[in-house]
Every structure is written in C-alpha cells, then in structure tokens.
Amino acid sequence: MQLHMKLIHIALGCLLLSGSVLLLVSVWAQAPQQAQITFASGRDGNPEIYIMDTNGENQTRLTNDPAQDMEPAWSPDGQHIAFLSDRDGNGEIYVMDADGKSQRNLTNNSANDEGPSWSPDGKRIAFLSNRDGNYEIYIIDEDGKNKCRLTKNPTLDFSPSWSPDGKRIAFVSNRDDNFEIYIMDTNGENQTRLTNDLAVNIQPVWSPDGKMIAFDSDRDGNNEIYVMDADGNNLRRLTNNPAWDWNPAWSPDGQRIVFDSDRDFNGEIYVMDADGNNQSRLTNNPAWDFDPDWFDPAYAKAVSSAGKLGTIWGKIKQKGE
C-alpha cells in the first residue's frame, strides 16, 4: 500500500508539468478558498448579491446593476452562483463565476423565472416559472439548454430544492388550498405531500445528509424555522421569536443553519446550530440582508477531488501499461 501511494504521489508530481493538472488547479482556484455565505442586500440602494465569511466578516459585493439581483445559490463545486435578476425587464435566472465575473442569462424568457436550485452534480438547475400561465417547477441544464417542466397544476408550485442524492425535489404547492411542502422525483413523478397544516409552510431545504428538511412556517402565529424528517415525520421548531424567521439554508456539514430574521427591526442574516441553539447575528446593516446560501470548499473538494484523482490515476495507469 505504501509503495502504491508513493507511485501516485510521484506520478502526480510529474503531471504537474502537464496542462491537465494545471487546468485542474486553475479550476479549483475559481472556487472560494474558505467557507463563505452568499446573500442579497439592499444596502447600496437596490438588491445586489454579496458574499461574506461564515462569521459575518469580509462582506463583499459581487453584482453592481440598477436592477434587482437576489436569490443567490452556490453551485456544488463553488465555482458559480446562480441568481435571480430582473435586469432584462422580467425575472430571469442568471449564473456568474464565484467572483462575480461572467454574468450570463440562462433562461431568457418573457415570463418570470425565479428560485434557482442546483442539482448535486452541478449539471442542472431547478427553478419556477410562469411561462405556461401559472407558476410551475422546471429544470434546465447549467448551460441553459434542455428545459423541462416537472409540475402541471392550475395552482402555484414553487421553491424547488434538490435532494443531496439527486433523486428528489422538495417544493411548495397550494394545490390543497393552503401552502404545503411536497416532494417528487426529478422527472416530476410521485408528487407527495409532507406537511398537512392550515398554516403557510414554505422554503423547504434538504439537510446535506438527506435525512431532514428545514422550512419556515407560520403555524404557531408568526414565521419560524422548523425541521422535519425527509418523510414528513418528527416535526420540531428551531426558532421561537416574536419576529419573523424564514429562509433557512444548511451549512454543508449539516451542523448549522443560516436564516433571515427581522428580530432587529430590519432583515438580517443569522446563524444557529442545527438543533436551534446558539443563535447569533452575522450582518448588521440598516438595509435588508436576505436569501443566504452556504458553501464550504473543504466539503466540495473532498467530493470533487476524489473523482478527479481517480481520472488522473486512470491516465497514469494507461501510460504505464
């Protein structure tokens, strides 16, 4: 085993002279080098996309447009951020590099397209659109091709969230006369309701291990953050505040949840442990800060680099045969 690993290290060292590994290094360099949270803020006069460290420091603006830019979502590898913008006169899904460069329109439709959610492999994006008359869930390739409609319902379907295994999508629908959380297969089949409450249950998001879904609900009088098992059982409330808490997003290790709250009389970004303990504020701005999403390069590289190492080792092996 030691000799085997040594050969890999030697081969990788040699390959550093080739364009293939240099390209991989270049690709990895595009992603943030530490865990960061992207969010939207109106602090500069209109909603723009920002990033910050997970302790709230180094808040940096990525977009600079007179239109509204919001709903940022990290790609699984951290190289890109999808977001909503109305810079073309209506809501569209855009994608940009993690540093704010190369902003491009993916959906390019006269209807409103909103709420992007990446598939775990980074190849597709789920979103909602009213291009067929009412809001439905769609998916599209990350390059804007191969649009596919998943839901077909005369009511509202929105807030898609992809499961970590890539097999299901959680979403919200008012098809049963109130807003409930549903799940479906990624081809739109087997649509199943998870919540059954007369309150508004919205913004579902899967835990990284796929075992739980966090969401917000006003079932106890005002919006709070809740979590339930992925089958809808074992519901429990995480926040308990007279203000509104909404829009949860998990840390990639599943240990914490970042969310919006207006408990300080304007919208700010907060973080708490996954059990609701240790709630603390990350932003402190007189404008609204909202729509947080979390990326951790340590987690992403542990997944992606393993696959790349396997590819490299296959090439090394072929050359040695």
Protein backbone atom coordinates (compact mmCIF):
# COMPACT_ATOMS: atom_id res chain seq x y z
CA MET A 1 0.00 0.00 0.00
CA GLN A 2 2.81 2.43 0.86
CA LEU A 3 4.54 1.74 -2.45
CA HIS A 4 1.21 2.18 -4.27
CA MET A 5 0.61 5.60 -2.67
CA LYS A 6 4.20 6.64 -3.31
CA LEU A 7 3.81 5.87 -7.01
CA ILE A 8 0.65 8.00 -7.08
CA HIS A 9 2.45 10.91 -5.43
CA ILE A 10 5.39 10.62 -7.85
CA ALA A 11 3.08 10.43 -10.85
CA LEU A 12 1.08 13.43 -9.68
CA GLY A 13 4.28 15.35 -9.16
CA CYS A 14 5.32 14.60 -12.74
CA LEU A 15 1.90 15.54 -14.06
CA LEU A 16 2.19 19.00 -12.52
CA LEU A 17 4.30 19.75 -15.58
CA SER A 18 1.40 18.88 -17.89
CA GLY A 19 -1.56 21.02 -18.88
CA SER A 20 -4.15 18.63 -17.44
CA VAL A 21 -3.23 19.09 -13.78
CA LEU A 22 -2.53 22.78 -14.27
CA LEU A 23 -6.06 23.05 -15.63
CA LEU A 24 -7.45 21.29 -12.55
CA VAL A 25 -5.51 23.65 -10.29
CA SER A 26 -6.92 26.58 -12.26
CA VAL A 27 -10.49 25.25 -11.92
CA TRP A 28 -10.14 24.72 -8.16
CA ALA A 29 -8.76 28.26 -7.81
CA GLN A 30 -12.04 29.69 -9.13
CA ALA A 31 -13.90 28.49 -6.03
CA PRO A 32 -13.62 30.30 -2.68
CA GLN A 33 -10.68 29.13 -0.59
CA GLN A 34 -12.68 29.13 2.63
CA ALA A 35 -16.30 28.65 3.67
CA GLN A 36 -18.49 31.57 2.62
CA ILE A 37 -22.11 32.63 2.62
CA THR A 38 -23.67 34.40 -0.33
CA PHE A 39 -26.69 36.63 0.26
CA ALA A 40 -28.66 39.55 -1.15
CA SER A 41 -28.72 43.02 0.33
CA GLY A 42 -30.31 46.39 -0.43
CA ARG A 43 -27.57 48.34 1.37
CA ASP A 44 -26.35 50.02 -1.83
CA GLY A 45 -29.76 51.27 -2.92
CA ASN A 46 -31.12 48.16 -4.65
CA PRO A 47 -30.79 44.41 -4.05
CA GLU A 48 -27.36 43.07 -5.05
CA ILE A 49 -25.53 39.78 -4.46
CA TYR A 50 -22.81 39.69 -1.78
CA ILE A 51 -20.56 37.14 -0.15
CA MET A 52 -19.11 37.04 3.37
CA ASP A 53 -17.16 34.73 5.64
CA THR A 54 -19.28 32.47 7.83
CA ASN A 55 -18.55 34.69 10.86
CA GLY A 56 -20.01 37.71 9.03
CA GLU A 57 -16.67 39.32 8.13
CA ASN A 58 -15.36 40.43 4.73
CA GLN A 59 -18.72 41.31 3.22
CA THR A 60 -18.13 41.92 -0.49
CA ARG A 61 -20.50 42.88 -3.29
CA LEU A 62 -20.46 40.70 -6.44
CA THR A 63 -23.11 42.34 -8.64
CA ASN A 64 -23.50 46.01 -9.49
CA ASP A 65 -26.60 46.62 -11.55
CA PRO A 66 -29.52 49.08 -11.24
CA ALA A 67 -31.90 46.11 -11.45
CA GLN A 68 -32.71 43.72 -8.61
CA ASP A 69 -30.32 40.79 -8.09
CA MET A 70 -31.31 38.27 -5.39
CA GLU A 71 -31.87 34.57 -4.54
CA PRO A 72 -28.19 33.55 -4.92
CA ALA A 73 -27.40 29.81 -4.91
CA TRP A 74 -23.92 28.26 -4.89
CA SER A 75 -23.10 25.58 -7.43
CA PRO A 76 -21.98 22.36 -5.68
CA ASP A 77 -18.33 22.93 -6.60
CA GLY A 78 -18.39 26.60 -5.56
CA GLN A 79 -17.27 27.83 -8.97
CA HIS A 80 -20.56 29.56 -9.83
CA ILE A 81 -23.51 31.32 -8.26
CA ALA A 82 -26.97 31.21 -9.82
CA PHE A 83 -29.29 34.11 -9.01
CA LEU A 84 -32.46 35.94 -9.96
CA SER A 85 -32.29 39.25 -11.79
CA ASP A 86 -34.86 41.49 -13.49
CA ARG A 87 -32.22 43.45 -15.43
CA ASP A 88 -33.84 42.37 -18.70
CA GLY A 89 -37.26 43.67 -17.68
CA ASN A 90 -38.54 40.49 -16.02
CA GLY A 91 -37.23 37.85 -13.68
CA GLU A 92 -34.56 35.61 -15.22
CA ILE A 93 -32.11 33.03 -13.90
CA TYR A 94 -28.50 34.17 -14.26
CA VAL A 95 -25.22 32.44 -13.47
CA MET A 96 -21.90 34.10 -12.66
CA ASP A 97 -18.47 32.99 -11.54
CA ALA A 98 -17.89 32.91 -7.78
CA ASP A 99 -16.03 36.24 -8.01
CA GLY A 100 -18.94 37.95 -9.80
CA LYS A 101 -17.47 37.76 -13.30
CA SER A 102 -19.03 36.32 -16.47
CA GLN A 103 -22.66 37.06 -15.59
CA ARG A 104 -24.96 35.40 -18.12
CA ASN A 105 -28.69 34.87 -18.64
CA LEU A 106 -29.71 31.19 -18.66
CA THR A 107 -33.48 31.32 -19.11
CA ASN A 108 -34.05 34.29 -21.46
CA ASN A 109 -37.85 34.21 -21.49
CA SER A 110 -40.52 36.92 -21.41
CA ALA A 111 -42.12 35.28 -18.36
CA ASN A 112 -40.75 35.38 -14.82
CA ASP A 113 -38.17 32.72 -13.90
CA GLU A 114 -37.11 32.57 -10.24
CA GLY A 115 -35.80 30.46 -7.35
CA PRO A 116 -32.76 28.59 -8.75
CA SER A 117 -31.65 25.34 -7.07
CA TRP A 118 -28.64 23.32 -8.31
CA SER A 119 -28.64 19.56 -8.75
CA PRO A 120 -25.94 17.87 -6.61
CA ASP A 121 -23.84 17.10 -9.69
CA GLY A 122 -23.99 20.73 -10.84
CA LYS A 123 -25.37 19.78 -14.25
CA ARG A 124 -28.95 21.05 -13.85
CA ILE A 125 -30.86 23.85 -12.16
CA ALA A 126 -34.43 23.64 -10.90
CA PHE A 127 -36.46 26.86 -10.90
CA LEU A 128 -40.01 28.16 -11.04
CA SER A 129 -41.62 29.97 -13.93
CA ASN A 130 -45.00 31.30 -15.01
CA ARG A 131 -44.19 30.90 -18.70
CA ASP A 132 -47.12 28.49 -19.10
CA GLY A 133 -49.66 30.69 -17.33
CA ASN A 134 -49.09 29.87 -13.68
CA TYR A 135 -46.02 29.13 -11.58
CA GLU A 136 -44.65 25.62 -12.10
CA ILE A 137 -41.36 23.84 -11.40
CA TYR A 138 -38.90 23.43 -14.28
CA ILE A 139 -35.37 22.14 -14.71
CA ILE A 140 -32.74 23.30 -17.17
CA ASP A 141 -29.15 22.30 -17.93
CA GLU A 142 -26.49 24.52 -16.39
CA ASP A 143 -25.74 25.92 -19.86
CA GLY A 144 -29.39 26.93 -20.40
CA LYS A 145 -30.34 24.02 -22.65
CA ASN A 146 -32.94 21.22 -22.35
CA LYS A 147 -35.68 22.95 -20.37
CA CYS A 148 -38.21 20.52 -18.90
CA ARG A 149 -41.42 21.20 -16.98
CA LEU A 150 -41.96 18.97 -13.92
CA THR A 151 -45.29 20.08 -12.43
CA LYS A 152 -48.59 20.67 -14.21
CA ASN A 153 -51.08 22.11 -11.80
CA PRO A 154 -53.59 25.00 -12.03
CA THR A 155 -52.32 26.34 -8.68
CA LEU A 156 -48.90 27.60 -7.55
CA ASP A 157 -45.85 25.30 -7.36
CA PHE A 158 -42.62 26.97 -6.24
CA SER A 159 -39.49 26.92 -4.01
CA PRO A 160 -37.75 23.85 -5.51
CA SER A 161 -34.92 22.25 -3.51
CA TRP A 162 -32.87 19.33 -4.81
CA SER A 163 -32.18 16.36 -2.52
CA PRO A 164 -28.48 15.54 -1.91
CA ASP A 165 -28.75 12.21 -3.72
CA GLY A 166 -30.16 13.94 -6.80
CA LYS A 167 -33.26 11.74 -6.88
CA ARG A 168 -35.96 14.06 -5.49
CA ILE A 169 -37.02 17.68 -5.38
CA ALA A 170 -38.87 19.28 -2.48
CA PHE A 171 -41.22 22.14 -3.36
CA VAL A 172 -44.22 24.14 -2.17
CA SER A 173 -47.73 23.99 -3.58
CA ASN A 174 -51.11 25.43 -2.65
CA ARG A 175 -52.99 22.74 -4.61
CA ASP A 176 -54.67 21.62 -1.39
CA ASP A 177 -55.96 25.14 -0.59
CA ASN A 178 -53.00 26.10 1.64
CA PHE A 179 -49.26 26.16 1.18
CA GLU A 180 -47.70 22.76 1.95
CA ILE A 181 -44.35 21.05 1.42
CA TYR A 182 -44.25 18.31 -1.24
CA ILE A 183 -41.58 16.09 -2.74
CA MET A 184 -41.37 14.49 -6.19
CA ASP A 185 -38.96 12.53 -8.33
CA THR A 186 -36.74 14.64 -10.56
CA ASN A 187 -38.83 13.65 -13.58
CA GLY A 188 -41.93 15.12 -11.90
CA GLU A 189 -43.48 11.80 -10.88
CA ASN A 190 -44.63 10.60 -7.44
CA GLN A 191 -45.62 14.00 -6.09
CA THR A 192 -46.30 13.51 -2.38
CA ARG A 193 -47.36 15.94 0.35
CA LEU A 194 -45.23 16.00 3.51
CA THR A 195 -46.95 18.66 5.64
CA ASN A 196 -50.65 18.93 6.42
CA ASP A 197 -51.38 22.14 8.25
CA LEU A 198 -53.66 25.12 7.72
CA ALA A 199 -50.63 27.43 8.03
CA VAL A 200 -48.23 28.62 5.34
CA ASN A 201 -45.33 26.14 5.01
CA ILE A 202 -42.68 27.33 2.56
CA GLN A 203 -38.99 27.40 1.57
CA PRO A 204 -38.00 23.74 2.11
CA VAL A 205 -34.31 22.86 2.01
CA TRP A 206 -32.71 19.42 2.44
CA SER A 207 -30.06 18.69 5.05
CA PRO A 208 -26.73 17.63 3.48
CA ASP A 209 -27.26 14.00 4.54
CA GLY A 210 -30.76 13.95 3.03
CA LYS A 211 -32.39 12.88 6.30
CA MET A 212 -34.17 16.14 7.14
CA ILE A 213 -35.87 19.12 5.53
CA ALA A 214 -35.80 22.57 7.10
CA PHE A 215 -38.53 25.07 6.20
CA ASP A 216 -40.38 28.06 7.60
CA SER A 217 -43.99 28.14 8.74
CA ASP A 218 -46.43 30.46 10.49
CA ARG A 219 -48.28 27.55 12.14
CA ASP A 220 -47.51 28.99 15.59
CA GLY A 221 -48.60 32.53 14.79
CA ASN A 222 -45.55 34.00 13.09
CA ASN A 223 -42.89 32.69 10.77
CA GLU A 224 -40.42 30.35 12.48
CA ILE A 225 -37.82 27.85 11.26
CA TYR A 226 -38.82 24.18 11.56
CA VAL A 227 -37.21 20.90 10.65
CA MET A 228 -38.77 17.53 9.91
CA ASP A 229 -37.60 14.13 8.75
CA ALA A 230 -37.49 13.70 4.98
CA ASP A 231 -40.74 11.70 5.14
CA GLY A 232 -42.57 14.50 6.97
CA ASN A 233 -42.41 12.92 10.45
CA ASN A 234 -40.80 14.18 13.65
CA LEU A 235 -41.60 17.87 13.15
CA ARG A 236 -39.86 20.27 15.56
CA ARG A 237 -39.48 24.03 15.81
CA LEU A 238 -35.99 25.55 15.93
CA THR A 239 -36.67 29.26 16.43
CA ASN A 240 -39.12 30.88 18.83
CA ASN A 241 -39.19 34.63 18.42
CA PRO A 242 -41.97 37.23 18.10
CA ALA A 243 -40.25 38.44 14.93
CA TRP A 244 -40.24 36.57 11.64
CA ASP A 245 -37.56 33.94 10.97
CA TRP A 246 -37.51 32.48 7.47
CA ASN A 247 -35.48 31.23 4.51
CA PRO A 248 -33.21 28.57 6.12
CA ALA A 249 -30.06 27.18 4.47
CA TRP A 250 -27.86 24.39 5.87
CA SER A 251 -24.11 24.52 6.30
CA PRO A 252 -22.54 21.82 4.10
CA ASP A 253 -21.52 19.79 7.15
CA GLY A 254 -25.12 19.83 8.43
CA GLN A 255 -24.11 21.30 11.80
CA ARG A 256 -25.60 24.78 11.40
CA ILE A 257 -28.40 26.64 9.67
CA VAL A 258 -28.25 30.19 8.37
CA PHE A 259 -31.52 32.12 8.03
CA ASP A 260 -33.24 35.50 7.68
CA SER A 261 -34.82 37.34 10.60
CA ASP A 262 -36.36 40.76 11.22
CA ARG A 263 -35.96 40.50 15.01
CA ASP A 264 -33.73 43.58 14.96
CA PHE A 265 -36.38 45.62 13.10
CA ASN A 266 -34.84 45.01 9.69
CA GLY A 267 -33.86 41.89 7.81
CA GLU A 268 -30.53 40.44 8.90
CA ILE A 269 -28.71 37.14 8.39
CA TYR A 270 -28.48 34.89 11.45
CA VAL A 271 -26.92 31.51 12.13
CA MET A 272 -27.75 28.78 14.66
CA ASP A 273 -26.84 25.21 15.45
CA ALA A 274 -28.90 22.58 13.64
CA ASP A 275 -30.86 21.99 16.86
CA GLY A 276 -31.76 25.69 17.19
CA ASN A 277 -29.20 26.57 19.86
CA ASN A 278 -26.59 29.36 19.76
CA GLN A 279 -28.44 31.81 17.54
CA SER A 280 -26.29 34.77 16.55
CA ARG A 281 -26.46 37.60 14.03
CA LEU A 282 -23.98 37.75 11.13
CA THR A 283 -24.97 41.01 9.42
CA ASN A 284 -25.74 44.40 10.96
CA ASN A 285 -26.99 46.83 8.38
CA PRO A 286 -29.91 49.32 8.23
CA ALA A 287 -30.89 47.81 4.87
CA TRP A 288 -32.33 44.34 4.36
CA ASP A 289 -29.93 41.39 4.14
CA PHE A 290 -31.64 38.21 2.97
CA ASP A 291 -31.53 34.99 0.86
CA PRO A 292 -28.43 33.35 2.41
CA ASP A 293 -26.74 30.26 0.96
CA TRP A 294 -23.65 28.46 2.31
CA PHE A 295 -20.60 26.97 0.57
CA ASP A 296 -17.69 25.10 2.15
CA PRO A 297 -14.72 24.35 -0.14
CA ALA A 298 -13.39 21.67 2.22
CA TYR A 299 -16.57 19.66 1.69
CA ALA A 300 -16.75 20.33 -2.05
CA LYS A 301 -13.11 19.46 -2.68
CA ALA A 302 -13.40 16.26 -0.67
CA VAL A 303 -16.05 15.15 -3.15
CA SER A 304 -14.78 16.56 -6.45
CA SER A 305 -11.05 15.97 -5.98
CA ALA A 306 -11.64 12.28 -5.29
CA GLY A 307 -13.27 11.91 -8.68
CA LYS A 308 -10.50 13.86 -10.38
CA LEU A 309 -7.82 11.81 -8.67
CA GLY A 310 -9.47 8.66 -9.98
CA THR A 311 -9.44 10.10 -13.50
CA ILE A 312 -5.80 11.10 -13.23
CA TRP A 313 -4.77 7.72 -11.84
CA GLY A 314 -6.54 6.01 -14.73
CA LYS A 315 -4.49 8.05 -17.20
CA ILE A 316 -1.29 7.30 -15.29
CA LYS A 317 -2.08 3.60 -15.33
CA GLN A 318 -2.73 3.61 -19.06
CA LYS A 319 0.60 5.28 -19.77
CA GLY A 320 2.41 2.71 -17.64
CA GLU A 321 0.77 -0.34 -19.24
